[in-house]
Protein backbone atom coordinates (compact mmCIF):
# COMPACT_ATOMS: atom_id res chain seq x y z
CA MET A 1 -80.84 -86.57 91.87
CA ILE A 2 -83.51 -86.10 89.19
CA TYR A 3 -85.91 -88.95 88.44
CA ILE A 4 -87.77 -88.97 85.10
CA SER A 5 -90.38 -91.45 83.92
CA VAL A 6 -90.31 -92.59 80.29
CA GLY A 7 -93.33 -94.33 78.77
CA SER A 8 -94.76 -95.38 75.40
CA ASN A 9 -97.81 -97.33 74.27
CA ILE A 10 -97.96 -96.64 70.51
CA GLY A 11 -95.93 -98.27 67.76
CA ASN A 12 -92.45 -99.61 68.39
CA ARG A 13 -92.50 -98.85 72.10
CA LEU A 14 -89.02 -100.16 72.93
CA PHE A 15 -87.50 -98.16 70.07
CA HIS A 16 -89.20 -94.99 71.33
CA LEU A 17 -87.78 -95.53 74.82
CA GLN A 18 -84.31 -96.17 73.44
CA LYS A 19 -84.49 -92.98 71.36
CA ALA A 20 -85.75 -90.88 74.28
CA VAL A 21 -82.97 -92.06 76.59
CA GLN A 22 -80.39 -91.45 73.87
CA LEU A 23 -81.60 -87.85 73.44
CA LEU A 24 -81.69 -87.26 77.20
CA LYS A 25 -78.07 -88.37 77.41
CA GLU A 26 -77.00 -86.22 74.47
CA ARG A 27 -78.79 -83.07 75.62
CA TYR A 28 -78.98 -83.06 79.41
CA PHE A 29 -77.54 -86.03 81.33
CA GLU A 30 -74.00 -87.15 80.67
CA GLY A 31 -74.13 -89.86 83.34
CA LEU A 32 -77.75 -90.92 82.98
CA LYS A 33 -78.70 -94.27 84.52
CA SER A 34 -81.84 -96.29 83.98
CA SER A 35 -84.12 -98.87 85.51
CA ILE A 36 -85.40 -101.96 83.79
CA ILE A 37 -88.55 -101.57 81.70
CA LEU A 38 -91.97 -102.77 82.85
CA GLU A 39 -94.92 -103.45 80.60
CA THR A 40 -98.01 -102.18 82.40
CA LYS A 41 -101.70 -101.92 81.72
CA ALA A 42 -102.94 -98.54 80.53
CA ILE A 43 -104.51 -96.38 83.23
CA LEU A 44 -107.80 -95.12 81.83
CA PRO A 45 -110.79 -93.11 83.04
CA ASN A 46 -114.28 -94.59 83.01
CA GLY A 47 -115.79 -94.52 79.54
CA ALA A 48 -112.46 -94.30 77.71
CA PRO A 49 -112.51 -95.56 74.10
CA THR A 50 -111.54 -99.22 73.81
CA GLU A 51 -108.76 -98.32 71.35
CA TRP A 52 -107.00 -96.44 74.18
CA ASP A 53 -106.51 -99.69 76.08
CA LYS A 54 -102.93 -100.33 74.93
CA PRO A 55 -100.26 -101.53 77.38
CA PHE A 56 -97.38 -99.18 78.15
CA LEU A 57 -93.68 -99.77 78.42
CA ASN A 58 -92.52 -97.72 81.41
CA MET A 59 -89.11 -97.06 82.91
CA ILE A 60 -87.28 -94.54 85.08
CA VAL A 61 -84.05 -92.74 84.27
CA TYR A 62 -82.09 -90.73 86.80
CA GLY A 63 -79.09 -88.46 87.05
CA ASN A 64 -78.02 -84.85 87.51
CA CYS A 65 -78.05 -81.99 85.01
CA LEU A 66 -77.21 -78.28 84.99
CA ALA A 67 -80.53 -77.13 83.53
CA SER A 68 -83.21 -75.51 85.67
CA SER A 69 -86.48 -77.35 86.19
CA GLU A 70 -88.21 -75.04 83.68
CA GLU A 71 -85.46 -75.56 81.11
CA LEU A 72 -85.57 -79.33 81.55
CA LEU A 73 -89.36 -79.40 81.22
CA LYS A 74 -89.09 -77.48 77.95
CA GLY A 75 -86.39 -79.90 76.81
CA LEU A 76 -88.53 -82.94 77.63
CA LYS A 77 -91.39 -81.52 75.56
CA GLN A 78 -88.98 -80.99 72.66
CA ILE A 79 -87.74 -84.58 72.87
CA GLU A 80 -91.35 -85.81 72.85
CA CYS A 81 -91.97 -83.72 69.75
CA ASP A 82 -88.77 -84.96 68.06
CA ILE A 83 -89.81 -88.58 68.58
CA GLY A 84 -93.24 -87.92 67.08
CA ARG A 85 -95.69 -87.13 69.85
CA ALA A 86 -98.47 -84.76 68.83
CA GLN A 87 -98.18 -81.39 70.57
CA VAL A 88 -101.86 -81.50 71.53
CA CYS A 89 -103.47 -84.75 72.66
CA GLU A 90 -106.24 -85.77 75.01
CA LYS A 91 -105.36 -86.64 78.57
CA TRP A 92 -105.12 -90.42 79.08
CA ALA A 93 -104.96 -91.02 75.31
CA PRO A 94 -102.23 -93.32 73.94
CA ARG A 95 -98.93 -91.60 73.23
CA VAL A 96 -95.77 -92.33 71.28
CA ILE A 97 -93.65 -91.09 74.18
CA ASP A 98 -94.32 -89.56 77.58
CA LEU A 99 -91.61 -87.90 79.70
CA ASP A 100 -92.35 -86.62 83.22
CA ILE A 101 -90.17 -85.26 86.01
CA LEU A 102 -91.00 -87.31 89.11
CA LEU A 103 -88.58 -86.07 91.77
CA TRP A 104 -85.71 -83.58 91.96
CA ASP A 105 -83.83 -84.05 95.24
CA ASP A 106 -85.85 -82.08 97.84
CA LEU A 107 -87.05 -79.52 95.30
CA THR A 108 -90.73 -78.54 95.41
CA VAL A 109 -92.31 -76.81 92.42
CA ASP A 110 -95.99 -75.90 92.13
CA THR A 111 -96.88 -74.00 88.96
CA PRO A 112 -99.69 -74.43 86.41
CA TYR A 113 -97.21 -76.16 84.09
CA LEU A 114 -94.94 -78.12 86.42
CA LYS A 115 -95.34 -79.83 89.77
CA ILE A 116 -92.46 -81.55 91.58
CA PRO A 117 -92.85 -84.12 93.10
CA HIS A 118 -95.17 -85.37 90.35
CA PRO A 119 -98.73 -85.31 91.76
CA GLU A 120 -99.60 -88.77 90.36
CA LEU A 121 -96.47 -90.53 91.60
CA MET A 122 -98.21 -92.01 94.62
CA ASN A 123 -100.90 -93.44 92.34
CA ARG A 124 -98.42 -95.27 90.09
CA PRO A 125 -97.28 -98.42 91.90
CA PHE A 126 -95.11 -99.47 88.95
CA LEU A 127 -93.10 -96.23 89.19
CA LEU A 128 -92.70 -96.58 92.96
CA HIS A 129 -91.66 -100.19 92.39
CA LEU A 130 -88.98 -99.15 89.87
CA MET A 131 -87.71 -96.38 92.15
CA ALA A 132 -87.51 -98.71 95.12
CA MET A 133 -85.49 -101.24 93.09
CA LEU A 134 -83.08 -98.46 92.09
CA ASP A 135 -82.79 -97.05 95.59
CA PRO A 136 -84.98 -98.22 98.49
CA MET A 137 -84.28 -94.91 100.25
CA ALA A 138 -85.52 -92.82 97.34
CA ILE A 139 -89.15 -93.02 98.47
CA VAL A 140 -88.62 -92.83 102.23
CA ASN A 141 -91.18 -90.47 103.82
CA LYS A 142 -93.00 -90.19 100.50
CA THR A 143 -95.14 -93.31 100.61
CA LEU A 144 -95.47 -96.74 102.10
CA ALA A 145 -93.88 -99.62 100.25
CA PRO A 146 -95.56 -99.96 96.85
CA ASN A 147 -98.04 -102.74 96.27
CA THR A 148 -96.34 -104.69 93.48
CA LYS A 149 -99.08 -107.29 93.07
CA ASP A 150 -100.22 -107.22 89.44
CA CYS A 151 -98.46 -103.89 88.84
CA PHE A 152 -96.68 -105.10 85.69
CA LEU A 153 -97.08 -107.69 82.94
CA LYS A 154 -93.53 -108.28 81.65
CA SER A 155 -90.05 -106.85 82.06
CA PHE A 156 -87.41 -105.78 79.54
CA VAL A 157 -84.06 -104.03 79.40
CA LEU A 158 -83.13 -100.97 77.39
CA LEU A 159 -79.75 -102.35 76.34
CA PRO A 160 -78.29 -104.37 74.75
CA LYS A 161 -80.46 -104.28 71.67
CA LEU A 162 -81.51 -107.73 70.56
CA VAL A 163 -81.77 -108.80 66.93
CA GLY A 164 -84.32 -111.58 66.59
CA ILE A 165 -83.59 -114.26 63.98
CA VAL A 166 -86.22 -115.62 61.58
CA ASN A 167 -84.75 -118.16 59.18
CA VAL A 168 -87.04 -118.60 56.18
CA THR A 169 -85.31 -121.79 55.12
CA SER A 170 -85.80 -125.52 55.22
CA ASP A 171 -82.27 -126.32 56.35
CA SER A 172 -80.82 -123.67 58.67
CA PHE A 173 -78.62 -125.24 61.33
CA SER A 174 -80.90 -124.92 64.39
CA ASP A 175 -84.40 -124.00 63.24
CA GLY A 176 -84.63 -124.95 59.58
CA GLY A 177 -88.23 -125.41 58.43
CA LEU A 178 -89.90 -123.84 61.46
CA TYR A 179 -90.64 -120.54 59.69
CA TYR A 180 -90.52 -121.57 56.04
CA ASP A 181 -94.22 -120.76 55.71
CA ALA A 182 -94.74 -117.01 55.19
CA ASP A 183 -97.55 -116.74 57.75
CA GLN A 184 -95.50 -118.60 60.37
CA ALA A 185 -92.52 -116.35 59.69
CA THR A 186 -94.73 -113.25 60.00
CA LYS A 187 -96.21 -114.49 63.26
CA GLN A 188 -92.74 -115.24 64.64
CA ALA A 189 -91.46 -111.77 63.68
CA LEU A 190 -94.30 -110.05 65.53
CA GLN A 191 -93.75 -112.34 68.51
CA LEU A 192 -90.06 -111.43 68.61
CA VAL A 193 -90.96 -107.74 68.72
CA SER A 194 -93.40 -108.44 71.54
CA ASP A 195 -90.64 -110.32 73.36
CA GLY A 196 -88.31 -107.32 73.11
CA ALA A 197 -86.41 -107.55 69.81
CA SER A 198 -85.21 -104.15 68.62
CA ILE A 199 -84.93 -105.46 65.08
CA VAL A 200 -86.02 -108.67 63.33
CA GLU A 201 -83.78 -110.23 60.71
CA PHE A 202 -85.04 -112.45 57.90
CA GLY A 203 -82.69 -114.81 56.12
CA ALA A 204 -83.95 -116.84 53.18
CA GLN A 205 -80.54 -118.32 52.40
CA SER A 206 -79.11 -121.04 54.62
CA THR A 207 -75.43 -120.46 55.40
CA ARG A 208 -74.82 -123.58 57.45
CA PRO A 209 -71.83 -125.70 56.41
CA GLY A 210 -72.71 -127.80 53.37
CA SER A 211 -75.85 -125.87 52.45
CA SER A 212 -76.87 -125.22 48.84
CA ILE A 213 -76.89 -121.60 47.73
CA GLN A 214 -80.28 -120.41 46.48
CA THR A 215 -80.61 -118.26 43.37
CA PRO A 216 -81.58 -114.58 43.80
CA LYS A 217 -84.99 -115.35 42.29
CA ALA A 218 -85.69 -118.19 44.74
CA GLU A 219 -84.46 -116.16 47.71
CA TYR A 220 -86.62 -113.15 46.87
CA ALA A 221 -89.64 -115.40 46.32
CA ARG A 222 -89.25 -116.62 49.91
CA LEU A 223 -88.94 -113.11 51.32
CA LYS A 224 -91.63 -111.26 49.34
CA PRO A 225 -94.81 -112.69 50.95
CA ILE A 226 -93.42 -112.07 54.44
CA LEU A 227 -92.40 -108.52 53.63
CA ASP A 228 -95.83 -107.95 52.05
CA ASN A 229 -97.43 -109.10 55.31
CA LEU A 230 -95.25 -106.71 57.32
CA SER A 231 -95.19 -103.80 54.88
CA HIS A 232 -97.62 -101.63 56.84
CA TYR A 233 -95.87 -102.35 60.15
CA MET A 234 -92.55 -101.32 58.60
CA LYS A 235 -93.92 -98.11 57.08
CA VAL A 236 -95.32 -96.84 60.38
CA GLY A 237 -92.27 -97.97 62.35
CA ASP A 238 -93.96 -100.69 64.40
CA ILE A 239 -91.27 -103.17 63.38
CA ARG A 240 -87.69 -102.67 62.18
CA VAL A 241 -86.55 -105.29 59.70
CA SER A 242 -83.15 -106.49 58.55
CA ILE A 243 -82.61 -108.56 55.43
CA ASP A 244 -79.76 -111.08 55.47
CA SER A 245 -78.67 -111.33 51.83
CA PHE A 246 -75.58 -111.10 49.65
CA TRP A 247 -77.36 -110.99 46.24
CA PRO A 248 -77.49 -107.47 44.72
CA ASP A 249 -80.75 -108.25 42.88
CA VAL A 250 -82.47 -109.29 46.11
CA ILE A 251 -81.18 -106.26 48.00
CA LEU A 252 -82.16 -103.76 45.30
CA ASN A 253 -85.64 -105.29 44.98
CA VAL A 254 -86.17 -105.11 48.74
CA LEU A 255 -84.97 -101.49 48.90
CA GLU A 256 -87.31 -100.50 46.08
CA HIS A 257 -90.46 -101.95 47.61
CA TYR A 258 -90.07 -102.08 51.40
CA SER A 259 -89.03 -99.86 54.30
CA VAL A 260 -86.31 -102.06 55.76
CA ALA A 261 -83.84 -100.73 58.32
CA TRP A 262 -80.77 -102.91 57.66
CA ILE A 263 -79.07 -105.00 55.05
CA ASN A 264 -76.85 -107.75 56.48
CA ASP A 265 -74.11 -108.69 54.01
CA VAL A 266 -72.52 -111.91 55.24
CA LYS A 267 -70.37 -112.43 52.16
CA GLY A 268 -68.70 -109.03 51.87
CA ASP A 269 -68.36 -108.77 48.10
CA LEU A 270 -71.19 -106.41 47.14
CA ASP A 271 -70.35 -104.10 44.25
CA ASP A 272 -70.02 -100.33 44.66
CA ASP A 273 -73.34 -99.54 42.98
CA THR A 274 -75.30 -101.80 45.32
CA LEU A 275 -73.55 -100.37 48.36
CA LYS A 276 -74.27 -96.82 47.17
CA ALA A 277 -77.94 -97.74 46.74
CA ILE A 278 -78.06 -99.05 50.31
CA ALA A 279 -76.41 -95.89 51.62
CA SER A 280 -78.69 -93.53 49.68
CA SER A 281 -81.78 -95.40 50.92
CA GLY A 282 -80.90 -94.51 54.51
CA CYS A 283 -80.44 -98.18 55.47
CA SER A 284 -77.75 -99.31 57.83
CA ILE A 285 -75.43 -102.09 56.72
CA VAL A 286 -74.08 -105.00 58.71
CA ILE A 287 -70.69 -106.19 57.47
CA MET A 288 -69.67 -109.67 58.58
CA HIS A 289 -66.21 -111.20 58.35
CA SER A 290 -66.26 -114.50 56.49
CA LEU A 291 -63.84 -116.48 54.36
CA SER A 292 -66.38 -118.64 52.55
CA ILE A 293 -70.16 -118.90 52.22
CA PRO A 294 -71.23 -121.46 53.20
CA PRO A 295 -68.40 -121.86 55.72
CA HIS A 296 -65.99 -124.77 55.44
CA LYS A 297 -64.07 -126.19 58.38
CA ASP A 298 -60.81 -126.14 56.43
CA VAL A 299 -61.11 -122.52 55.29
CA ILE A 300 -60.19 -120.59 58.42
CA VAL A 301 -57.92 -117.83 59.68
CA PRO A 302 -54.37 -119.28 59.86
CA SER A 303 -53.74 -120.88 63.25
CA ASP A 304 -50.51 -118.93 63.78
CA THR A 305 -52.32 -115.59 63.33
CA ASP A 306 -54.09 -113.62 66.06
CA PRO A 307 -57.72 -113.59 64.84
CA VAL A 308 -58.27 -110.21 66.54
CA ASP A 309 -55.61 -108.67 64.30
CA THR A 310 -57.19 -110.31 61.26
CA ILE A 311 -60.65 -108.96 62.08
CA ASN A 312 -59.31 -105.48 62.87
CA HIS A 313 -57.44 -105.30 59.56
CA TRP A 314 -60.53 -106.46 57.66
CA ALA A 315 -62.80 -104.05 59.56
CA GLU A 316 -60.54 -101.05 58.91
CA LYS A 317 -60.43 -101.77 55.18
CA SER A 318 -64.19 -102.45 54.97
CA VAL A 319 -65.23 -99.40 56.99
CA ASN A 320 -63.02 -97.07 54.94
CA ARG A 321 -64.55 -98.40 51.74
CA LEU A 322 -68.10 -97.90 53.04
CA LEU A 323 -67.35 -94.37 54.23
CA ALA A 324 -66.08 -93.53 50.75
CA LEU A 325 -69.31 -94.87 49.22
CA GLY A 326 -71.66 -92.67 51.26
CA PHE A 327 -72.19 -94.42 54.58
CA ASP A 328 -71.42 -92.74 57.90
CA GLU A 329 -70.12 -94.44 61.03
CA ASN A 330 -73.60 -94.53 62.60
CA SER A 331 -74.95 -96.61 59.72
CA ILE A 332 -72.17 -99.24 59.74
CA ILE A 333 -72.43 -102.28 62.03
CA ILE A 334 -69.44 -104.61 62.38
CA ASP A 335 -69.96 -108.35 62.93
CA PRO A 336 -66.81 -110.44 63.54
CA GLY A 337 -68.54 -113.47 61.98
CA ILE A 338 -68.54 -116.03 64.78
CA GLY A 339 -68.59 -119.46 63.14
CA PHE A 340 -67.49 -118.21 59.73
CA GLY A 341 -63.86 -118.90 58.85
CA LYS A 342 -62.59 -119.45 62.40
CA SER A 343 -61.82 -122.48 64.53
CA LEU A 344 -63.71 -123.16 67.75
CA TYR A 345 -60.83 -121.65 69.69
CA GLN A 346 -60.50 -118.59 67.47
CA ASN A 347 -64.22 -117.90 67.96
CA ILE A 348 -63.79 -118.04 71.74
CA TRP A 349 -60.73 -115.78 71.55
CA LEU A 350 -62.65 -113.23 69.47
CA LEU A 351 -65.53 -113.19 71.95
CA ARG A 352 -63.11 -112.70 74.84
CA ASN A 353 -61.58 -109.72 73.04
CA ILE A 354 -64.67 -108.27 71.39
CA GLU A 355 -63.99 -104.77 72.78
CA ALA A 356 -61.26 -104.34 70.15
CA LEU A 357 -63.95 -103.68 67.52
CA GLN A 358 -65.21 -100.61 69.38
CA SER A 359 -62.19 -98.60 68.19
CA PHE A 360 -63.70 -98.00 64.74
CA GLY A 361 -66.50 -95.76 66.00
CA CYS A 362 -69.15 -98.03 64.47
CA LYS A 363 -71.71 -100.20 66.21
CA VAL A 364 -70.79 -103.82 66.91
CA LEU A 365 -73.03 -106.88 66.54
CA VAL A 366 -72.29 -110.42 67.67
CA GLY A 367 -74.15 -113.39 66.23
CA HIS A 368 -73.21 -116.17 68.65
CA SER A 369 -76.58 -117.83 69.13
CA ARG A 370 -76.37 -121.65 69.19
CA LYS A 371 -73.10 -121.52 67.21
CA SER A 372 -70.59 -124.38 66.98
CA PHE A 373 -68.07 -122.88 69.43
CA ILE A 374 -70.52 -123.92 72.16
CA SER A 375 -69.70 -127.57 71.38
CA SER A 376 -66.25 -126.98 72.90
CA PHE A 377 -67.83 -126.93 76.37
CA SER A 378 -71.33 -128.39 75.91
CA THR A 379 -72.70 -131.62 74.48
CA GLU A 380 -76.21 -130.23 73.94
CA LEU A 381 -77.71 -130.50 70.48
CA VAL A 382 -77.76 -127.33 68.38
CA PHE A 383 -81.43 -126.45 68.97
CA ASN A 384 -80.97 -126.86 72.73
CA ARG A 385 -78.09 -124.38 73.21
CA ASP A 386 -80.06 -121.36 74.38
CA LEU A 387 -78.80 -121.63 77.95
CA GLU A 388 -75.19 -121.53 76.77
CA THR A 389 -76.04 -118.69 74.37
CA ILE A 390 -77.53 -116.64 77.21
CA ALA A 391 -74.44 -117.32 79.34
CA ALA A 392 -72.29 -115.91 76.53
CA SER A 393 -74.66 -112.95 76.19
CA SER A 394 -74.22 -112.19 79.89
CA VAL A 395 -70.50 -111.65 79.27
CA LEU A 396 -70.98 -109.75 75.99
CA HIS A 397 -74.00 -107.58 76.78
CA ASN A 398 -72.14 -104.44 77.88
CA LYS A 399 -69.35 -104.78 75.31
CA VAL A 400 -71.39 -104.70 72.09
CA ASP A 401 -74.38 -102.80 70.71
CA PHE A 402 -76.41 -105.72 69.32
CA LEU A 403 -76.81 -109.39 70.18
CA ARG A 404 -78.26 -111.48 67.35
CA VAL A 405 -80.21 -114.34 68.95
CA HIS A 406 -82.90 -116.91 68.30
CA ASN A 407 -84.52 -116.84 71.75
CA VAL A 408 -85.37 -113.21 72.55
CA HIS A 409 -87.93 -114.07 75.23
CA ASP A 410 -85.50 -115.91 77.53
CA HIS A 411 -82.76 -113.37 76.89
CA MET A 412 -85.02 -110.61 78.18
CA ARG A 413 -85.89 -112.64 81.26
CA PHE A 414 -82.22 -113.16 82.04
CA LEU A 415 -81.07 -109.63 81.21
CA ALA A 416 -83.80 -108.04 83.33
CA ALA A 417 -82.81 -110.14 86.34
CA GLN A 418 -79.15 -109.33 85.77
CA ALA A 419 -79.85 -105.60 85.43
CA VAL A 420 -81.84 -105.46 88.68
CA LEU A 421 -79.21 -107.28 90.70
CA GLN A 422 -76.29 -105.37 89.21
CA GLY A 423 -78.06 -102.05 89.73
């Protein structure tokens, strides 16, 4: 078994880890497994510059590969380079990504370029801690039990990827008005990234039942000051942003001026020219099934129809159209539209059968956070449904690519505990 440490303390650290693990799987490890992620203090020499004192995200991946140790080392350096690490950097300095071979079964290597076991392993209690959680026998005869006191700050999981919600509205169904102010919305977005969101989505148009639709001009006026605040973060990749909008004018304006990662089209009636512009910009697109915006309780999938069949038919038609307009499967994300055009029971049925959407070769997102289907088994008020949302996420987390949620912080707490206990 080969154990590799993966760390990052510059920029969008979680994104860098996700990319590194993806490349390791594609190039070397078909059955790669991973630990949870620990945020740890930077280890620095005396007299190090204060700007080097940036906390790391660290994790361990493990598996078997056919490459030799020298070939794998060369491959790790190439992955670091592909993600953006400078080929020459000072020891102890911050780095975009850091990949090190820790152990390789009973193999011992001692060359100027590679040493296995890693010579600093015994001085990294957080790595020993992660290894012991993966396999308590992995460090037998190599060290005493690691001292875990104060060895990490927070914990995260690599997957699923969480989409943090920031509603820039006065009347959204569970948090309307909380982030209407641009500075509050900006602060919340950065907090969501700190909590572990892979992407942050801004919506300046309430889509709750009975809401009033804002004009494109009013919607863009709500978004612009927030995007101005985050413009630098987006350009350097520190934050990945999604815009939830169905107005072509808003979307085209955003694409022209900001480095957003996604457009989330909840209405599904964008014209070909707008869709081509999104595709050519390199943005991904989220397509959501809906029958009316805002939703109406009487406009739903017919009760005598299997909603899974309805969603599959819609998804096939929508994906084929997008492929013809310049998108590829990797840039299309399918959202079944929980709470939009379905009854409480149809929403539950769709969530039970969510794997059906994986057949299209595109990524799948579920936006179930605090939604009305929860009222079928809980009497909690809308803003107090995070516990039920997390329970649903626990069932969905390994069946979809993205979970769109309000409470990223508590999701990460739950998912980390679940990951450790499930192994």
